[in-house]
N, C-alpha and C. Protein backbone atom coordinates (compact mmCIF):
# COMPACT_ATOMS: atom_id res chain seq x y z
N UNK A 1 0.84 -1.19 0.00
CA UNK A 1 0.00 0.00 0.00
C UNK A 1 0.88 1.24 0.00
N UNK A 2 0.41 2.25 -0.69
CA UNK A 2 1.19 3.47 -0.78
C UNK A 2 0.30 4.66 -1.10
N UNK A 3 0.94 5.72 -1.57
CA UNK A 3 0.25 6.95 -1.94
C UNK A 3 0.39 7.17 -3.43
N UNK A 4 -0.71 7.52 -4.08
CA UNK A 4 -0.71 7.79 -5.51
C UNK A 4 -0.13 9.18 -5.75
N UNK A 5 0.87 9.25 -6.62
CA UNK A 5 1.50 10.54 -6.93
C UNK A 5 0.59 11.44 -7.76
N UNK A 6 -0.45 10.88 -8.35
CA UNK A 6 -1.32 11.66 -9.22
C UNK A 6 -2.53 12.21 -8.46
N UNK A 7 -3.29 11.33 -7.81
CA UNK A 7 -4.49 11.79 -7.11
C UNK A 7 -4.23 12.12 -5.64
N UNK A 8 -3.13 11.60 -5.10
CA UNK A 8 -2.79 11.90 -3.71
C UNK A 8 -3.48 11.04 -2.68
N UNK A 9 -4.30 10.07 -3.12
CA UNK A 9 -4.94 9.21 -2.14
C UNK A 9 -3.90 8.33 -1.46
N UNK A 10 -4.11 8.08 -0.18
CA UNK A 10 -3.18 7.28 0.61
C UNK A 10 -3.75 5.89 0.87
N UNK A 11 -2.88 4.97 1.25
CA UNK A 11 -3.24 3.58 1.55
C UNK A 11 -3.96 2.91 0.38
N UNK A 12 -3.41 3.12 -0.82
CA UNK A 12 -3.98 2.50 -2.02
C UNK A 12 -2.97 1.51 -2.59
N UNK A 13 -3.48 0.51 -3.28
CA UNK A 13 -2.60 -0.42 -4.00
C UNK A 13 -2.02 0.36 -5.18
N UNK A 14 -0.71 0.29 -5.36
CA UNK A 14 -0.08 1.10 -6.40
C UNK A 14 0.61 0.25 -7.46
N UNK A 15 0.81 0.88 -8.60
CA UNK A 15 1.55 0.29 -9.71
C UNK A 15 2.58 1.31 -10.18
N UNK A 16 3.51 0.86 -10.98
CA UNK A 16 4.54 1.74 -11.53
C UNK A 16 4.13 2.16 -12.94
N UNK A 17 4.08 3.47 -13.17
CA UNK A 17 3.75 4.02 -14.48
C UNK A 17 5.02 4.63 -15.07
N UNK A 18 5.39 4.20 -16.27
CA UNK A 18 6.54 4.79 -16.96
C UNK A 18 6.08 6.10 -17.59
N UNK A 19 6.65 7.21 -17.16
CA UNK A 19 6.21 8.52 -17.66
C UNK A 19 6.43 8.65 -19.15
N UNK A 20 7.48 8.05 -19.67
CA UNK A 20 7.65 7.88 -21.11
C UNK A 20 7.41 6.39 -21.35
N UNK A 21 6.38 6.05 -22.13
CA UNK A 21 6.07 4.62 -22.32
C UNK A 21 7.29 3.80 -22.73
N UNK A 22 7.33 2.57 -22.24
CA UNK A 22 8.46 1.68 -22.53
C UNK A 22 8.67 1.51 -24.02
N UNK A 23 7.59 1.36 -24.78
CA UNK A 23 7.72 1.16 -26.23
C UNK A 23 8.26 2.40 -26.94
N UNK A 24 8.29 3.54 -26.25
CA UNK A 24 8.79 4.78 -26.82
C UNK A 24 10.18 5.11 -26.28
N UNK A 25 10.80 4.14 -25.61
CA UNK A 25 12.15 4.33 -25.10
C UNK A 25 12.25 4.64 -23.62
N UNK A 26 11.17 4.48 -22.88
CA UNK A 26 11.16 4.84 -21.47
C UNK A 26 11.42 3.71 -20.50
N UNK A 27 11.93 2.58 -20.97
CA UNK A 27 12.14 1.41 -20.11
C UNK A 27 12.95 1.75 -18.87
N UNK A 28 14.00 2.54 -19.04
CA UNK A 28 14.87 2.86 -17.91
C UNK A 28 14.71 4.32 -17.47
N UNK A 29 13.63 4.96 -17.91
CA UNK A 29 13.38 6.36 -17.60
C UNK A 29 12.61 6.55 -16.30
N UNK A 30 12.15 7.76 -16.12
CA UNK A 30 11.42 8.14 -14.91
C UNK A 30 10.10 7.40 -14.81
N UNK A 31 9.74 7.07 -13.58
CA UNK A 31 8.47 6.40 -13.31
C UNK A 31 7.71 7.15 -12.22
N UNK A 32 6.45 6.81 -12.08
CA UNK A 32 5.61 7.38 -11.02
C UNK A 32 4.84 6.25 -10.37
N UNK A 33 4.58 6.40 -9.10
CA UNK A 33 3.79 5.42 -8.36
C UNK A 33 2.34 5.89 -8.37
N UNK A 34 1.48 5.11 -9.04
CA UNK A 34 0.09 5.50 -9.20
C UNK A 34 -0.84 4.43 -8.66
N UNK A 35 -2.01 4.86 -8.20
CA UNK A 35 -3.03 3.88 -7.81
C UNK A 35 -3.55 3.24 -9.10
N UNK A 36 -4.14 2.09 -8.96
CA UNK A 36 -4.61 1.34 -10.13
C UNK A 36 -5.63 2.13 -10.96
N UNK A 37 -6.64 2.78 -10.34
CA UNK A 37 -7.60 3.53 -11.16
C UNK A 37 -6.96 4.67 -11.96
N UNK A 38 -6.04 5.41 -11.36
CA UNK A 38 -5.37 6.50 -12.09
C UNK A 38 -4.55 5.94 -13.25
N UNK A 39 -3.82 4.88 -13.00
CA UNK A 39 -2.99 4.27 -14.05
C UNK A 39 -3.87 3.78 -15.20
N UNK A 40 -4.95 3.10 -14.87
CA UNK A 40 -5.84 2.60 -15.91
C UNK A 40 -6.50 3.75 -16.67
N UNK A 41 -6.85 4.82 -15.97
CA UNK A 41 -7.51 5.94 -16.63
C UNK A 41 -6.60 6.61 -17.66
N UNK A 42 -5.33 6.75 -17.33
CA UNK A 42 -4.37 7.34 -18.28
C UNK A 42 -4.37 6.53 -19.57
N UNK A 43 -4.26 5.21 -19.43
CA UNK A 43 -4.17 4.36 -20.62
C UNK A 43 -5.52 4.17 -21.31
N UNK A 44 -6.61 4.43 -20.62
CA UNK A 44 -7.93 4.38 -21.25
C UNK A 44 -8.17 5.63 -22.09
N UNK A 45 -7.59 6.74 -21.68
CA UNK A 45 -7.81 8.00 -22.39
C UNK A 45 -6.83 8.23 -23.53
N UNK A 46 -5.60 7.76 -23.39
CA UNK A 46 -4.54 8.15 -24.32
C UNK A 46 -3.75 6.96 -24.86
N UNK A 47 -3.30 7.11 -26.09
CA UNK A 47 -2.40 6.12 -26.66
C UNK A 47 -1.00 6.39 -26.12
N UNK A 48 -0.11 5.44 -26.27
CA UNK A 48 1.27 5.64 -25.83
C UNK A 48 1.93 6.78 -26.60
N UNK A 49 1.54 6.97 -27.85
CA UNK A 49 2.09 8.07 -28.64
C UNK A 49 1.67 9.42 -28.06
N UNK A 50 0.40 9.52 -27.64
CA UNK A 50 -0.08 10.77 -27.03
C UNK A 50 0.62 11.02 -25.69
N UNK A 51 0.79 9.96 -24.91
CA UNK A 51 1.47 10.09 -23.62
C UNK A 51 2.90 10.58 -23.85
N UNK A 52 3.60 9.97 -24.79
CA UNK A 52 4.99 10.33 -25.07
C UNK A 52 5.11 11.76 -25.59
N UNK A 53 4.12 12.21 -26.34
CA UNK A 53 4.19 13.54 -26.95
C UNK A 53 3.94 14.68 -25.97
N UNK A 54 3.05 14.45 -24.96
CA UNK A 54 2.70 15.60 -24.13
C UNK A 54 2.40 15.31 -22.66
N UNK A 55 2.50 14.08 -22.23
CA UNK A 55 2.14 13.75 -20.84
C UNK A 55 3.25 12.98 -20.14
N UNK A 56 4.45 13.53 -20.13
CA UNK A 56 5.60 12.79 -19.61
C UNK A 56 6.03 13.20 -18.20
N UNK A 57 5.23 14.03 -17.54
CA UNK A 57 5.51 14.38 -16.15
C UNK A 57 4.21 14.32 -15.36
N UNK A 58 4.34 14.24 -14.05
CA UNK A 58 3.14 14.25 -13.20
C UNK A 58 2.40 15.57 -13.37
N UNK A 59 3.12 16.68 -13.48
CA UNK A 59 2.47 17.98 -13.68
C UNK A 59 1.70 18.03 -15.00
N UNK A 60 2.26 17.45 -16.07
CA UNK A 60 1.55 17.38 -17.35
C UNK A 60 0.25 16.60 -17.19
N UNK A 61 0.33 15.48 -16.49
CA UNK A 61 -0.86 14.65 -16.29
C UNK A 61 -1.91 15.39 -15.46
N UNK A 62 -1.47 16.04 -14.38
CA UNK A 62 -2.41 16.76 -13.50
C UNK A 62 -3.10 17.92 -14.21
N UNK A 63 -2.40 18.55 -15.12
CA UNK A 63 -2.97 19.72 -15.79
C UNK A 63 -3.77 19.37 -17.05
N UNK A 64 -3.75 18.11 -17.47
CA UNK A 64 -4.53 17.70 -18.64
C UNK A 64 -6.02 17.83 -18.33
N UNK A 65 -6.76 18.42 -19.26
CA UNK A 65 -8.17 18.72 -19.03
C UNK A 65 -9.02 17.48 -18.74
N UNK A 66 -8.89 16.45 -19.57
CA UNK A 66 -9.70 15.24 -19.37
C UNK A 66 -9.32 14.53 -18.08
N UNK A 67 -8.04 14.42 -17.83
CA UNK A 67 -7.58 13.69 -16.65
C UNK A 67 -7.88 14.47 -15.37
N UNK A 68 -7.83 15.79 -15.42
CA UNK A 68 -8.09 16.58 -14.21
C UNK A 68 -9.52 16.39 -13.71
N UNK A 69 -10.46 16.20 -14.63
CA UNK A 69 -11.85 15.93 -14.22
C UNK A 69 -11.94 14.60 -13.48
N UNK A 70 -11.23 13.59 -13.99
CA UNK A 70 -11.19 12.29 -13.32
C UNK A 70 -10.55 12.42 -11.94
N UNK A 71 -9.44 13.16 -11.86
CA UNK A 71 -8.73 13.32 -10.58
C UNK A 71 -9.61 14.00 -9.54
N UNK A 72 -10.37 14.98 -9.96
CA UNK A 72 -11.28 15.67 -9.03
C UNK A 72 -12.28 14.67 -8.44
N UNK A 73 -12.76 13.75 -9.28
CA UNK A 73 -13.72 12.75 -8.83
C UNK A 73 -13.05 11.67 -7.97
N UNK A 74 -11.92 11.14 -8.43
CA UNK A 74 -11.29 9.99 -7.75
C UNK A 74 -10.82 10.37 -6.35
N UNK A 75 -10.43 11.61 -6.15
CA UNK A 75 -9.95 12.04 -4.82
C UNK A 75 -11.02 11.87 -3.76
N UNK A 76 -12.28 11.87 -4.17
CA UNK A 76 -13.40 11.74 -3.23
C UNK A 76 -13.76 10.28 -2.95
N UNK A 77 -13.14 9.35 -3.68
CA UNK A 77 -13.48 7.93 -3.53
C UNK A 77 -12.62 7.29 -2.45
N UNK A 78 -13.19 6.30 -1.73
CA UNK A 78 -12.40 5.61 -0.70
C UNK A 78 -11.23 4.85 -1.32
N UNK A 79 -10.16 4.76 -0.57
CA UNK A 79 -8.96 4.11 -1.09
C UNK A 79 -9.17 2.63 -1.38
N UNK A 80 -10.18 2.04 -0.79
CA UNK A 80 -10.44 0.62 -1.00
C UNK A 80 -11.25 0.35 -2.27
N UNK A 81 -11.80 1.39 -2.86
CA UNK A 81 -12.68 1.22 -4.02
C UNK A 81 -11.85 1.04 -5.29
N UNK A 82 -12.09 -0.06 -6.00
CA UNK A 82 -11.48 -0.30 -7.31
C UNK A 82 -12.64 -0.28 -8.30
N UNK A 83 -12.63 0.70 -9.16
CA UNK A 83 -13.73 0.83 -10.10
C UNK A 83 -13.33 0.36 -11.48
N UNK A 84 -14.33 0.08 -12.30
CA UNK A 84 -14.08 -0.37 -13.66
C UNK A 84 -13.81 0.86 -14.52
N UNK A 85 -12.73 0.80 -15.27
CA UNK A 85 -12.33 1.90 -16.15
C UNK A 85 -12.54 1.44 -17.59
N UNK A 86 -13.25 2.26 -18.36
CA UNK A 86 -13.49 1.92 -19.77
C UNK A 86 -12.71 2.87 -20.66
N UNK A 87 -12.29 2.37 -21.81
CA UNK A 87 -11.60 3.23 -22.77
C UNK A 87 -12.58 4.30 -23.26
N UNK A 88 -12.06 5.50 -23.46
CA UNK A 88 -12.90 6.57 -23.98
C UNK A 88 -13.30 6.22 -25.42
N UNK A 89 -14.41 6.79 -25.87
CA UNK A 89 -14.84 6.54 -27.24
C UNK A 89 -13.80 7.01 -28.24
N UNK A 90 -13.14 8.15 -27.94
CA UNK A 90 -12.09 8.64 -28.82
C UNK A 90 -10.94 7.64 -28.89
N UNK A 91 -10.57 7.09 -27.77
CA UNK A 91 -9.44 6.13 -27.69
C UNK A 91 -9.79 4.84 -28.43
N UNK A 92 -11.07 4.42 -28.37
CA UNK A 92 -11.49 3.20 -29.06
C UNK A 92 -11.33 3.33 -30.57
N UNK A 93 -11.50 4.53 -31.07
CA UNK A 93 -11.42 4.76 -32.52
C UNK A 93 -9.98 4.81 -33.03
N UNK A 94 -9.01 4.91 -32.13
CA UNK A 94 -7.60 5.05 -32.57
C UNK A 94 -6.95 3.72 -32.80
């Protein structure tokens, strides 16, 4: 259990997110510790190419319009809640 660097919730199960996707050369690059819902939401909204092009820092992720709406909501959820994350309709078309 840890703290999510993106939403700030504490006592959550965390995963490692490569700020530059591994397939784009980020295998040994900077990482962030994220809760499962935040990590899944990033990949549901954006392709690895989009992440590599403009979302390579925690600040970039926090300031992204679509993701910031999710973060506002997730911060209010209990740390024990694991919700189902669906790919956005835009992401499904890519």
